[in-house]
Amino acid sequence: QVQLVESGGGLVQTGGSLRLSCTASGDVDSGAIIRYWRQFPDKQREMVARITKEGLTSFAESVKGRFTFSRDNAKMTVTLEMNDLKVEDTGIYYCNHLTTGSSYWGPGTQVTVSS
């Protein structure tokens, strides 16, 4: 089992920034891909970003240029820096630890962007 603890959500105004962190513990696979997904208020879901062990990242088109994603393999922590936030970034953000044989999810953290 892998446990994921997320932190950093909150309320921010349009144009503001937030930093989300996710720390993995337990049967962590150092080669796992870590992803952030988000669920919008209408329940639609979108993969926001992913990062490999080597630090290779990819992002949803909607956040490119505004979000950055980094990883500390020694601490098994990832950090999603979200800048120039928009109302449409509002949602619950979930951290996901993904390997070929498993997928673990954090409980989610709320991000609310007000106009």
PDB file of N, CA and C in Angstrom:
ATOM      1  N   GLN A   1       0.840  -1.190   0.000  1.00  0.00           N
ATOM      2  CA  GLN A   1       0.000   0.000   0.000  1.00  0.00           C
ATOM      3  C   GLN A   1       0.879   1.245   0.000  1.00  0.00           C
ATOM      4  N   VAL A   2       0.384   2.239  -0.669  1.00  0.00           N
ATOM      5  CA  VAL A   2       1.054   3.540  -0.707  1.00  0.00           C
ATOM      6  C   VAL A   2       0.089   4.566  -0.140  1.00  0.00           C
ATOM      7  N   GLN A   3       0.593   5.374   0.762  1.00  0.00           N
ATOM      8  CA  GLN A   3      -0.217   6.452   1.306  1.00  0.00           C
ATOM      9  C   GLN A   3       0.268   7.773   0.717  1.00  0.00           C
ATOM     10  N   LEU A   4      -0.668   8.591   0.322  1.00  0.00           N
ATOM     11  CA  LEU A   4      -0.354   9.891  -0.263  1.00  0.00           C
ATOM     12  C   LEU A   4      -0.983  10.974   0.598  1.00  0.00           C
ATOM     13  N   VAL A   5      -0.167  11.911   1.011  1.00  0.00           N
ATOM     14  CA  VAL A   5      -0.639  13.033   1.817  1.00  0.00           C
ATOM     15  C   VAL A   5      -0.462  14.302   1.013  1.00  0.00           C
ATOM     16  N   GLU A   6      -1.561  14.977   0.807  1.00  0.00           N
ATOM     17  CA  GLU A   6      -1.557  16.200   0.010  1.00  0.00           C
ATOM     18  C   GLU A   6      -1.694  17.414   0.912  1.00  0.00           C
ATOM     19  N   SER A   7      -1.150  18.504   0.456  1.00  0.00           N
ATOM     20  CA  SER A   7      -1.289  19.751   1.207  1.00  0.00           C
ATOM     21  C   SER A   7      -1.201  20.919   0.241  1.00  0.00           C
ATOM     22  N   GLY A   8      -1.641  22.080   0.707  1.00  0.00           N
ATOM     23  CA  GLY A   8      -1.427  23.298  -0.049  1.00  0.00           C
ATOM     24  C   GLY A   8      -2.624  23.886  -0.743  1.00  0.00           C
ATOM     25  N   GLY A   9      -3.759  23.244  -0.687  1.00  0.00           N
ATOM     26  CA  GLY A   9      -4.924  23.835  -1.321  1.00  0.00           C
ATOM     27  C   GLY A   9      -5.404  25.056  -0.563  1.00  0.00           C
ATOM     28  N   GLY A  10      -6.440  25.681  -1.089  1.00  0.00           N
ATOM     29  CA  GLY A  10      -6.987  26.837  -0.400  1.00  0.00           C
ATOM     30  C   GLY A  10      -7.751  27.747  -1.336  1.00  0.00           C
ATOM     31  N   LEU A  11      -8.001  28.946  -0.843  1.00  0.00           N
ATOM     32  CA  LEU A  11      -8.761  29.952  -1.577  1.00  0.00           C
ATOM     33  C   LEU A  11      -7.817  31.061  -2.018  1.00  0.00           C
ATOM     34  N   VAL A  12      -7.904  31.425  -3.273  1.00  0.00           N
ATOM     35  CA  VAL A  12      -7.043  32.475  -3.810  1.00  0.00           C
ATOM     36  C   VAL A  12      -7.827  33.266  -4.843  1.00  0.00           C
ATOM     37  N   GLN A  13      -7.429  34.490  -5.056  1.00  0.00           N
ATOM     38  CA  GLN A  13      -8.088  35.308  -6.074  1.00  0.00           C
ATOM     39  C   GLN A  13      -7.471  35.048  -7.441  1.00  0.00           C
ATOM     40  N   THR A  14      -8.222  35.407  -8.445  1.00  0.00           N
ATOM     41  CA  THR A  14      -7.747  35.284  -9.823  1.00  0.00           C
ATOM     42  C   THR A  14      -6.390  35.956  -9.960  1.00  0.00           C
ATOM     43  N   GLY A  15      -5.482  35.244 -10.633  1.00  0.00           N
ATOM     44  CA  GLY A  15      -4.137  35.763 -10.811  1.00  0.00           C
ATOM     45  C   GLY A  15      -3.170  35.376  -9.712  1.00  0.00           C
ATOM     46  N   GLY A  16      -3.684  34.797  -8.668  1.00  0.00           N
ATOM     47  CA  GLY A  16      -2.844  34.400  -7.544  1.00  0.00           C
ATOM     48  C   GLY A  16      -2.144  33.077  -7.780  1.00  0.00           C
ATOM     49  N   SER A  17      -1.444  32.632  -6.753  1.00  0.00           N
ATOM     50  CA  SER A  17      -0.661  31.401  -6.852  1.00  0.00           C
ATOM     51  C   SER A  17      -0.929  30.503  -5.656  1.00  0.00           C
ATOM     52  N   LEU A  18      -0.781  29.227  -5.902  1.00  0.00           N
ATOM     53  CA  LEU A  18      -0.838  28.232  -4.840  1.00  0.00           C
ATOM     54  C   LEU A  18       0.206  27.168  -5.130  1.00  0.00           C
ATOM     55  N   ARG A  19       0.650  26.526  -4.071  1.00  0.00           N
ATOM     56  CA  ARG A  19       1.591  25.430  -4.205  1.00  0.00           C
ATOM     57  C   ARG A  19       0.991  24.193  -3.564  1.00  0.00           C
ATOM     58  N   LEU A  20       0.862  23.145  -4.346  1.00  0.00           N
ATOM     59  CA  LEU A  20       0.377  21.859  -3.835  1.00  0.00           C
ATOM     60  C   LEU A  20       1.559  20.915  -3.673  1.00  0.00           C
ATOM     61  N   SER A  21       1.539  20.175  -2.572  1.00  0.00           N
ATOM     62  CA  SER A  21       2.565  19.158  -2.352  1.00  0.00           C
ATOM     63  C   SER A  21       1.909  17.823  -2.080  1.00  0.00           C
ATOM     64  N   CYS A  22       2.609  16.782  -2.441  1.00  0.00           N
ATOM     65  CA  CYS A  22       2.126  15.421  -2.223  1.00  0.00           C
ATOM     66  C   CYS A  22       3.320  14.574  -1.806  1.00  0.00           C
ATOM     67  N   THR A  23       3.196  13.928  -0.661  1.00  0.00           N
ATOM     68  CA  THR A  23       4.271  13.076  -0.152  1.00  0.00           C
ATOM     69  C   THR A  23       3.780  11.644  -0.061  1.00  0.00           C
ATOM     70  N   ALA A  24       4.575  10.748  -0.602  1.00  0.00           N
ATOM     71  CA  ALA A  24       4.224   9.334  -0.604  1.00  0.00           C
ATOM     72  C   ALA A  24       4.991   8.589   0.477  1.00  0.00           C
ATOM     73  N   SER A  25       4.322   7.602   1.073  1.00  0.00           N
ATOM     74  CA  SER A  25       4.974   6.740   2.062  1.00  0.00           C
ATOM     75  C   SER A  25       4.410   5.339   1.925  1.00  0.00           C
ATOM     76  N   GLY A  26       5.056   4.396   2.590  1.00  0.00           N
ATOM     77  CA  GLY A  26       4.630   3.000   2.486  1.00  0.00           C
ATOM     78  C   GLY A  26       5.412   2.287   1.403  1.00  0.00           C
ATOM     79  N   ASP A  27       4.740   1.472   0.617  1.00  0.00           N
ATOM     80  CA  ASP A  27       5.394   0.685  -0.437  1.00  0.00           C
ATOM     81  C   ASP A  27       5.593   1.530  -1.691  1.00  0.00           C
ATOM     82  N   VAL A  28       6.331   2.593  -1.510  1.00  0.00           N
ATOM     83  CA  VAL A  28       6.529   3.534  -2.606  1.00  0.00           C
ATOM     84  C   VAL A  28       7.446   2.938  -3.669  1.00  0.00           C
ATOM     85  N   ASP A  29       7.086   3.130  -4.886  1.00  0.00           N
ATOM     86  CA  ASP A  29       7.912   2.706  -6.012  1.00  0.00           C
ATOM     87  C   ASP A  29       8.637   3.942  -6.533  1.00  0.00           C
ATOM     88  N   SER A  30       9.964   3.926  -6.412  1.00  0.00           N
ATOM     89  CA  SER A  30      10.722   5.115  -6.813  1.00  0.00           C
ATOM     90  C   SER A  30      10.596   5.396  -8.300  1.00  0.00           C
ATOM     91  N   GLY A  31      10.200   4.390  -9.049  1.00  0.00           N
ATOM     92  CA  GLY A  31      10.034   4.582 -10.489  1.00  0.00           C
ATOM     93  C   GLY A  31       8.628   4.998 -10.886  1.00  0.00           C
ATOM     94  N   ALA A  32       7.768   5.170  -9.913  1.00  0.00           N
ATOM     95  CA  ALA A  32       6.377   5.503 -10.203  1.00  0.00           C
ATOM     96  C   ALA A  32       6.264   6.866 -10.873  1.00  0.00           C
ATOM     97  N   ILE A  33       5.287   6.937 -11.744  1.00  0.00           N
ATOM     98  CA  ILE A  33       4.899   8.233 -12.296  1.00  0.00           C
ATOM     99  C   ILE A  33       3.924   8.861 -11.302  1.00  0.00           C
ATOM    100  N   ILE A  34       4.125  10.129 -11.016  1.00  0.00           N
ATOM    101  CA  ILE A  34       3.214  10.837 -10.131  1.00  0.00           C
ATOM    102  C   ILE A  34       2.412  11.817 -10.972  1.00  0.00           C
ATOM    103  N   ARG A  35       1.122  11.803 -10.761  1.00  0.00           N
ATOM    104  CA  ARG A  35       0.237  12.670 -11.532  1.00  0.00           C
ATOM    105  C   ARG A  35      -0.647  13.472 -10.587  1.00  0.00           C
ATOM    106  N   TYR A  36      -1.053  14.609 -11.042  1.00  0.00           N
ATOM    107  CA  TYR A  36      -2.116  15.368 -10.397  1.00  0.00           C
ATOM    108  C   TYR A  36      -3.307  15.387 -11.351  1.00  0.00           C
ATOM    109  N   TRP A  37      -4.425  15.008 -10.792  1.00  0.00           N
ATOM    110  CA  TRP A  37      -5.692  15.115 -11.500  1.00  0.00           C
ATOM    111  C   TRP A  37      -6.528  16.160 -10.761  1.00  0.00           C
ATOM    112  N   ARG A  38      -7.506  16.666 -11.459  1.00  0.00           N
ATOM    113  CA  ARG A  38      -8.458  17.544 -10.776  1.00  0.00           C
ATOM    114  C   ARG A  38      -9.880  17.199 -11.196  1.00  0.00           C
ATOM    115  N   GLN A  39     -10.771  17.411 -10.257  1.00  0.00           N
ATOM    116  CA  GLN A  39     -12.192  17.220 -10.525  1.00  0.00           C
ATOM    117  C   GLN A  39     -12.872  18.571 -10.405  1.00  0.00           C
ATOM    118  N   PHE A  40     -13.515  18.969 -11.472  1.00  0.00           N
ATOM    119  CA  PHE A  40     -14.197  20.250 -11.513  1.00  0.00           C
ATOM    120  C   PHE A  40     -15.521  20.169 -10.759  1.00  0.00           C
ATOM    121  N   PRO A  41     -16.109  21.308 -10.439  1.00  0.00           N
ATOM    122  CA  PRO A  41     -17.398  21.295  -9.738  1.00  0.00           C
ATOM    123  C   PRO A  41     -18.485  20.517 -10.464  1.00  0.00           C
ATOM    124  N   ASP A  42     -18.387  20.433 -11.787  1.00  0.00           N
ATOM    125  CA  ASP A  42     -19.388  19.657 -12.534  1.00  0.00           C
ATOM    126  C   ASP A  42     -19.032  18.179 -12.599  1.00  0.00           C
ATOM    127  N   LYS A  43     -18.010  17.760 -11.838  1.00  0.00           N
ATOM    128  CA  LYS A  43     -17.564  16.368 -11.708  1.00  0.00           C
ATOM    129  C   LYS A  43     -16.696  15.884 -12.865  1.00  0.00           C
ATOM    130  N   GLN A  44     -16.503  16.718 -13.866  1.00  0.00           N
ATOM    131  CA  GLN A  44     -15.573  16.326 -14.925  1.00  0.00           C
ATOM    132  C   GLN A  44     -14.157  16.266 -14.350  1.00  0.00           C
ATOM    133  N   ARG A  45     -13.329  15.397 -14.924  1.00  0.00           N
ATOM    134  CA  ARG A  45     -11.967  15.226 -14.440  1.00  0.00           C
ATOM    135  C   ARG A  45     -10.963  15.513 -15.543  1.00  0.00           C
ATOM    136  N   GLU A  46      -9.818  15.972 -15.118  1.00  0.00           N
ATOM    137  CA  GLU A  46      -8.757  16.289 -16.070  1.00  0.00           C
ATOM    138  C   GLU A  46      -7.416  15.972 -15.420  1.00  0.00           C
ATOM    139  N   MET A  47      -6.533  15.359 -16.190  1.00  0.00           N
ATOM    140  CA  MET A  47      -5.181  15.174 -15.691  1.00  0.00           C
ATOM    141  C   MET A  47      -4.442  16.491 -15.865  1.00  0.00           C
ATOM    142  N   VAL A  48      -3.949  17.023 -14.790  1.00  0.00           N
ATOM    143  CA  VAL A  48      -3.319  18.333 -14.803  1.00  0.00           C
ATOM    144  C   VAL A  48      -1.859  18.237 -15.217  1.00  0.00           C
ATOM    145  N   ALA A  49      -1.143  17.297 -14.596  1.00  0.00           N
ATOM    146  CA  ALA A  49       0.295  17.192 -14.847  1.00  0.00           C
ATOM    147  C   ALA A  49       0.781  15.816 -14.428  1.00  0.00           C
ATOM    148  N   ARG A  50       1.887  15.417 -15.007  1.00  0.00           N
ATOM    149  CA  ARG A  50       2.531  14.170 -14.636  1.00  0.00           C
ATOM    150  C   ARG A  50       4.032  14.381 -14.616  1.00  0.00           C
ATOM    151  N   ILE A  51       4.716  13.562 -13.809  1.00  0.00           N
ATOM    152  CA  ILE A  51       6.165  13.679 -13.730  1.00  0.00           C
ATOM    153  C   ILE A  51       6.758  12.292 -13.538  1.00  0.00           C
ATOM    154  N   THR A  52       7.819  12.013 -14.275  1.00  0.00           N
ATOM    155  CA  THR A  52       8.493  10.727 -14.166  1.00  0.00           C
ATOM    156  C   THR A  52       9.580  10.789 -13.098  1.00  0.00           C
ATOM    157  N   LYS A  53      10.174   9.638 -12.842  1.00  0.00           N
ATOM    158  CA  LYS A  53      11.272   9.569 -11.884  1.00  0.00           C
ATOM    159  C   LYS A  53      12.407  10.510 -12.304  1.00  0.00           C
ATOM    160  N   GLU A  54      12.608  10.610 -13.619  1.00  0.00           N
ATOM    161  CA  GLU A  54      13.704  11.425 -14.141  1.00  0.00           C
ATOM    162  C   GLU A  54      13.364  12.914 -14.158  1.00  0.00           C
ATOM    163  N   GLY A  55      12.120  13.230 -13.794  1.00  0.00           N
ATOM    164  CA  GLY A  55      11.730  14.631 -13.759  1.00  0.00           C
ATOM    165  C   GLY A  55      11.119  15.159 -15.040  1.00  0.00           C
ATOM    166  N   LEU A  56      10.809  14.249 -15.965  1.00  0.00           N
ATOM    167  CA  LEU A  56      10.167  14.674 -17.202  1.00  0.00           C
ATOM    168  C   LEU A  56       8.701  14.982 -16.914  1.00  0.00           C
ATOM    169  N   THR A  57       8.256  16.099 -17.394  1.00  0.00           N
ATOM    170  CA  THR A  57       6.897  16.543 -17.079  1.00  0.00           C
ATOM    171  C   THR A  57       6.061  16.728 -18.334  1.00  0.00           C
ATOM    172  N   SER A  58       4.772  16.632 -18.147  1.00  0.00           N
ATOM    173  CA  SER A  58       3.822  17.006 -19.181  1.00  0.00           C
ATOM    174  C   SER A  58       2.611  17.609 -18.489  1.00  0.00           C
ATOM    175  N   PHE A  59       1.921  18.478 -19.216  1.00  0.00           N
ATOM    176  CA  PHE A  59       0.834  19.247 -18.625  1.00  0.00           C
ATOM    177  C   PHE A  59      -0.385  19.267 -19.540  1.00  0.00           C
ATOM    178  N   ALA A  60      -1.523  19.465 -18.927  1.00  0.00           N
ATOM    179  CA  ALA A  60      -2.728  19.722 -19.697  1.00  0.00           C
ATOM    180  C   ALA A  60      -2.550  21.048 -20.423  1.00  0.00           C
ATOM    181  N   GLU A  61      -3.143  21.132 -21.599  1.00  0.00           N
ATOM    182  CA  GLU A  61      -3.033  22.373 -22.375  1.00  0.00           C
ATOM    183  C   GLU A  61      -3.544  23.575 -21.582  1.00  0.00           C
ATOM    184  N   SER A  62      -4.542  23.351 -20.768  1.00  0.00           N
ATOM    185  CA  SER A  62      -5.183  24.432 -20.028  1.00  0.00           C
ATOM    186  C   SER A  62      -4.281  25.063 -18.970  1.00  0.00           C
ATOM    187  N   VAL A  63      -3.192  24.366 -18.598  1.00  0.00           N
ATOM    188  CA  VAL A  63      -2.330  24.902 -17.544  1.00  0.00           C
ATOM    189  C   VAL A  63      -0.897  25.166 -18.017  1.00  0.00           C
ATOM    190  N   LYS A  64      -0.612  24.812 -19.239  1.00  0.00           N
ATOM    191  CA  LYS A  64       0.745  25.028 -19.755  1.00  0.00           C
ATOM    192  C   LYS A  64       1.147  26.497 -19.645  1.00  0.00           C
ATOM    193  N   GLY A  65       2.366  26.685 -19.199  1.00  0.00           N
ATOM    194  CA  GLY A  65       2.874  28.040 -19.038  1.00  0.00           C
ATOM    195  C   GLY A  65       2.518  28.679 -17.711  1.00  0.00           C
ATOM    196  N   ARG A  66       1.611  28.061 -16.976  1.00  0.00           N
ATOM    197  CA  ARG A  66       1.193  28.622 -15.683  1.00  0.00           C
ATOM    198  C   ARG A  66       1.595  27.719 -14.510  1.00  0.00           C
ATOM    199  N   PHE A  67       1.631  26.418 -14.753  1.00  0.00           N
ATOM    200  CA  PHE A  67       1.941  25.449 -13.707  1.00  0.00           C
ATOM    201  C   PHE A  67       3.312  24.855 -13.962  1.00  0.00           C
ATOM    202  N   THR A  68       4.016  24.587 -12.883  1.00  0.00           N
ATOM    203  CA  THR A  68       5.257  23.812 -12.964  1.00  0.00           C
ATOM    204  C   THR A  68       5.163  22.657 -11.982  1.00  0.00           C
ATOM    205  N   PHE A  69       5.934  21.615 -12.260  1.00  0.00           N
ATOM    206  CA  PHE A  69       5.845  20.387 -11.482  1.00  0.00           C
ATOM    207  C   PHE A  69       7.248  19.894 -11.212  1.00  0.00           C
ATOM    208  N   SER A  70       7.537  19.612  -9.957  1.00  0.00           N
ATOM    209  CA  SER A  70       8.871  19.148  -9.604  1.00  0.00           C
ATOM    210  C   SER A  70       8.777  17.959  -8.662  1.00  0.00           C
ATOM    211  N   ARG A  71       9.892  17.284  -8.512  1.00  0.00           N
ATOM    212  CA  ARG A  71       9.882  16.030  -7.752  1.00  0.00           C
ATOM    213  C   ARG A  71      11.182  15.897  -6.978  1.00  0.00           C
ATOM    214  N   ASP A  72      11.055  15.487  -5.731  1.00  0.00           N
ATOM    215  CA  ASP A  72      12.209  15.190  -4.896  1.00  0.00           C
ATOM    216  C   ASP A  72      12.151  13.704  -4.582  1.00  0.00           C
ATOM    217  N   ASN A  73      12.942  12.912  -5.296  1.00  0.00           N
ATOM    218  CA  ASN A  73      12.878  11.464  -5.134  1.00  0.00           C
ATOM    219  C   ASN A  73      13.347  11.011  -3.748  1.00  0.00           C
ATOM    220  N   ALA A  74      14.275  11.730  -3.167  1.00  0.00           N
ATOM    221  CA  ALA A  74      14.771  11.349  -1.844  1.00  0.00           C
ATOM    222  C   ALA A  74      13.675  11.485  -0.792  1.00  0.00           C
ATOM    223  N   LYS A  75      12.853  12.503  -0.935  1.00  0.00           N
ATOM    224  CA  LYS A  75      11.763  12.748   0.019  1.00  0.00           C
ATOM    225  C   LYS A  75      10.433  12.185  -0.468  1.00  0.00           C
ATOM    226  N   MET A  76      10.443  11.642  -1.673  1.00  0.00           N
ATOM    227  CA  MET A  76       9.215  11.148  -2.301  1.00  0.00           C
ATOM    228  C   MET A  76       8.106  12.194  -2.218  1.00  0.00           C
ATOM    229  N   THR A  77       8.466  13.377  -2.574  1.00  0.00           N
ATOM    230  CA  THR A  77       7.540  14.498  -2.554  1.00  0.00           C
ATOM    231  C   THR A  77       7.526  15.170  -3.919  1.00  0.00           C
ATOM    232  N   VAL A  78       6.337  15.515  -4.352  1.00  0.00           N
ATOM    233  CA  VAL A  78       6.200  16.301  -5.571  1.00  0.00           C
ATOM    234  C   VAL A  78       5.542  17.625  -5.213  1.00  0.00           C
ATOM    235  N   THR A  79       5.836  18.636  -6.028  1.00  0.00           N
ATOM    236  CA  THR A  79       5.288  19.965  -5.783  1.00  0.00           C
ATOM    237  C   THR A  79       4.742  20.523  -7.082  1.00  0.00           C
ATOM    238  N   LEU A  80       3.503  20.926  -7.033  1.00  0.00           N
ATOM    239  CA  LEU A  80       2.846  21.540  -8.179  1.00  0.00           C
ATOM    240  C   LEU A  80       2.688  23.027  -7.872  1.00  0.00           C
ATOM    241  N   GLU A  81       3.429  23.835  -8.603  1.00  0.00           N
ATOM    242  CA  GLU A  81       3.338  25.289  -8.452  1.00  0.00           C
ATOM    243  C   GLU A  81       2.319  25.808  -9.451  1.00  0.00           C
ATOM    244  N   MET A  82       1.303  26.482  -8.941  1.00  0.00           N
ATOM    245  CA  MET A  82       0.226  26.958  -9.798  1.00  0.00           C
ATOM    246  C   MET A  82       0.210  28.480  -9.761  1.00  0.00           C
ATOM    247  N   ASN A  83       0.460  29.071 -10.898  1.00  0.00           N
ATOM    248  CA  ASN A  83       0.518  30.531 -11.000  1.00  0.00           C
ATOM    249  C   ASN A  83      -0.566  31.045 -11.931  1.00  0.00           C
ATOM    250  N   ASP A  84      -0.826  32.338 -11.808  1.00  0.00           N
ATOM    251  CA  ASP A  84      -1.831  32.978 -12.661  1.00  0.00           C
ATOM    252  C   ASP A  84      -3.120  32.165 -12.668  1.00  0.00           C
ATOM    253  N   LEU A  85      -3.590  31.854 -11.488  1.00  0.00           N
ATOM    254  CA  LEU A  85      -4.762  30.991 -11.369  1.00  0.00           C
ATOM    255  C   LEU A  85      -6.014  31.675 -11.888  1.00  0.00           C
ATOM    256  N   LYS A  86      -6.868  30.857 -12.467  1.00  0.00           N
ATOM    257  CA  LYS A  86      -8.114  31.317 -13.060  1.00  0.00           C
ATOM    258  C   LYS A  86      -9.284  30.659 -12.341  1.00  0.00           C
ATOM    259  N   VAL A  87     -10.449  31.244 -12.477  1.00  0.00           N
ATOM    260  CA  VAL A  87     -11.640  30.673 -11.851  1.00  0.00           C
ATOM    261  C   VAL A  87     -11.837  29.237 -12.305  1.00  0.00           C
ATOM    262  N   GLU A  88     -11.531  28.982 -13.559  1.00  0.00           N
ATOM    263  CA  GLU A  88     -11.725  27.633 -14.101  1.00  0.00           C
ATOM    264  C   GLU A  88     -10.726  26.612 -13.577  1.00  0.00           C
ATOM    265  N   ASP A  89      -9.776  27.039 -12.754  1.00  0.00           N
ATOM    266  CA  ASP A  89      -8.873  26.094 -12.098  1.00  0.00           C
ATOM    267  C   ASP A  89      -9.476  25.546 -10.802  1.00  0.00           C
ATOM    268  N   THR A  90     -10.622  26.056 -10.433  1.00  0.00           N
ATOM    269  CA  THR A  90     -11.287  25.597  -9.215  1.00  0.00           C
ATOM    270  C   THR A  90     -11.636  24.127  -9.306  1.00  0.00           C
ATOM    271  N   GLY A  91     -11.332  23.397  -8.250  1.00  0.00           N
ATOM    272  CA  GLY A  91     -11.653  21.983  -8.221  1.00  0.00           C
ATOM    273  C   GLY A  91     -10.952  21.288  -7.079  1.00  0.00           C
ATOM    274  N   ILE A  92     -11.132  19.986  -7.028  1.00  0.00           N
ATOM    275  CA  ILE A  92     -10.425  19.165  -6.057  1.00  0.00           C
ATOM    276  C   ILE A  92      -9.242  18.535  -6.783  1.00  0.00           C
ATOM    277  N   TYR A  93      -8.076  18.689  -6.216  1.00  0.00           N
ATOM    278  CA  TYR A  93      -6.851  18.196  -6.839  1.00  0.00           C
ATOM    279  C   TYR A  93      -6.390  16.930  -6.133  1.00  0.00           C
ATOM    280  N   TYR A  94      -6.140  15.902  -6.932  1.00  0.00           N
ATOM    281  CA  TYR A  94      -5.762  14.594  -6.412  1.00  0.00           C
ATOM    282  C   TYR A  94      -4.372  14.199  -6.890  1.00  0.00           C
ATOM    283  N   CYS A  95      -3.584  13.699  -5.977  1.00  0.00           N
ATOM    284  CA  CYS A  95      -2.268  13.164  -6.301  1.00  0.00           C
ATOM    285  C   CYS A  95      -2.422  11.666  -6.592  1.00  0.00           C
ATOM    286  N   ASN A  96      -1.686  11.186  -7.563  1.00  0.00           N
ATOM    287  CA  ASN A  96      -1.808   9.789  -7.993  1.00  0.00           C
ATOM    288  C   ASN A  96      -0.430   9.182  -8.180  1.00  0.00           C
ATOM    289  N   HIS A  97      -0.200   8.049  -7.542  1.00  0.00           N
ATOM    290  CA  HIS A  97       1.064   7.291  -7.653  1.00  0.00           C
ATOM    291  C   HIS A  97       0.785   6.122  -8.578  1.00  0.00           C
ATOM    292  N   LEU A  98       1.407   6.131  -9.734  1.00  0.00           N
ATOM    293  CA  LEU A  98       1.060   5.179 -10.785  1.00  0.00           C
ATOM    294  C   LEU A  98       2.250   4.318 -11.194  1.00  0.00           C
ATOM    295  N   THR A  99       2.032   2.992 -11.148  1.00  0.00           N
ATOM    296  CA  THR A  99       2.995   2.053 -11.710  1.00  0.00           C
ATOM    297  C   THR A  99       2.246   1.149 -12.672  1.00  0.00           C
ATOM    298  N   THR A 100       2.935   0.208 -13.275  1.00  0.00           N
ATOM    299  CA  THR A 100       2.260  -0.684 -14.211  1.00  0.00           C
ATOM    300  C   THR A 100       1.272  -1.593 -13.491  1.00  0.00           C
ATOM    301  N   GLY A 101       1.491  -1.809 -12.204  1.00  0.00           N
ATOM    302  CA  GLY A 101       0.630  -2.730 -11.492  1.00  0.00           C
ATOM    303  C   GLY A 101      -0.265  -2.131 -10.438  1.00  0.00           C
ATOM    304  N   SER A 102      -0.200  -0.841 -10.262  1.00  0.00           N
ATOM    305  CA  SER A 102      -0.999  -0.238  -9.193  1.00  0.00           C
ATOM    306  C   SER A 102      -1.242   1.230  -9.447  1.00  0.00           C
ATOM    307  N   SER A 103      -2.241   1.725  -8.747  1.00  0.00           N
ATOM    308  CA  SER A 103      -2.581   3.143  -8.827  1.00  0.00           C
ATOM    309  C   SER A 103      -3.160   3.546  -7.483  1.00  0.00           C
ATOM    310  N   TYR A 104      -2.474   4.465  -6.823  1.00  0.00           N
ATOM    311  CA  TYR A 104      -2.925   4.923  -5.525  1.00  0.00           C
ATOM    312  C   TYR A 104      -3.266   6.408  -5.602  1.00  0.00           C
ATOM    313  N   TRP A 105      -4.254   6.777  -4.789  1.00  0.00           N
ATOM    314  CA  TRP A 105      -4.756   8.147  -4.830  1.00  0.00           C
ATOM    315  C   TRP A 105      -4.720   8.781  -3.444  1.00  0.00           C
ATOM    316  N   GLY A 106      -4.443  10.053  -3.441  1.00  0.00           N
ATOM    317  CA  GLY A 106      -4.575  10.813  -2.216  1.00  0.00           C
ATOM    318  C   GLY A 106      -6.031  11.208  -2.013  1.00  0.00           C
ATOM    319  N   PRO A 107      -6.361  11.753  -0.852  1.00  0.00           N
ATOM    320  CA  PRO A 107      -7.742  12.117  -0.544  1.00  0.00           C
ATOM    321  C   PRO A 107      -8.221  13.371  -1.274  1.00  0.00           C
ATOM    322  N   GLY A 108      -7.286  14.122  -1.832  1.00  0.00           N
ATOM    323  CA  GLY A 108      -7.670  15.330  -2.551  1.00  0.00           C
ATOM    324  C   GLY A 108      -7.570  16.574  -1.696  1.00  0.00           C
ATOM    325  N   THR A 109      -7.319  17.680  -2.373  1.00  0.00           N
ATOM    326  CA  THR A 109      -7.264  18.966  -1.684  1.00  0.00           C
ATOM    327  C   THR A 109      -8.009  19.997  -2.529  1.00  0.00           C
ATOM    328  N   GLN A 110      -8.802  20.818  -1.872  1.00  0.00           N
ATOM    329  CA  GLN A 110      -9.651  21.771  -2.574  1.00  0.00           C
ATOM    330  C   GLN A 110      -8.864  23.012  -2.969  1.00  0.00           C
ATOM    331  N   VAL A 111      -9.031  23.404  -4.216  1.00  0.00           N
ATOM    332  CA  VAL A 111      -8.494  24.667  -4.717  1.00  0.00           C
ATOM    333  C   VAL A 111      -9.674  25.492  -5.211  1.00  0.00           C
ATOM    334  N   THR A 112      -9.799  26.682  -4.669  1.00  0.00           N
ATOM    335  CA  THR A 112     -10.884  27.573  -5.075  1.00  0.00           C
ATOM    336  C   THR A 112     -10.293  28.907  -5.500  1.00  0.00           C
ATOM    337  N   VAL A 113     -10.630  29.298  -6.719  1.00  0.00           N
ATOM    338  CA  VAL A 113     -10.153  30.565  -7.252  1.00  0.00           C
ATOM    339  C   VAL A 113     -11.359  31.480  -7.425  1.00  0.00           C
ATOM    340  N   SER A 114     -11.326  32.613  -6.760  1.00  0.00           N
ATOM    341  CA  SER A 114     -12.442  33.542  -6.824  1.00  0.00           C
ATOM    342  C   SER A 114     -12.115  34.715  -7.740  1.00  0.00           C
ATOM    343  N   SER A 115     -13.150  35.262  -8.345  1.00  0.00           N
ATOM    344  CA  SER A 115     -12.953  36.376  -9.283  1.00  0.00           C
ATOM    345  C   SER A 115     -12.978  37.706  -8.553  1.00  0.00           C
TER     346      SER A 115
END
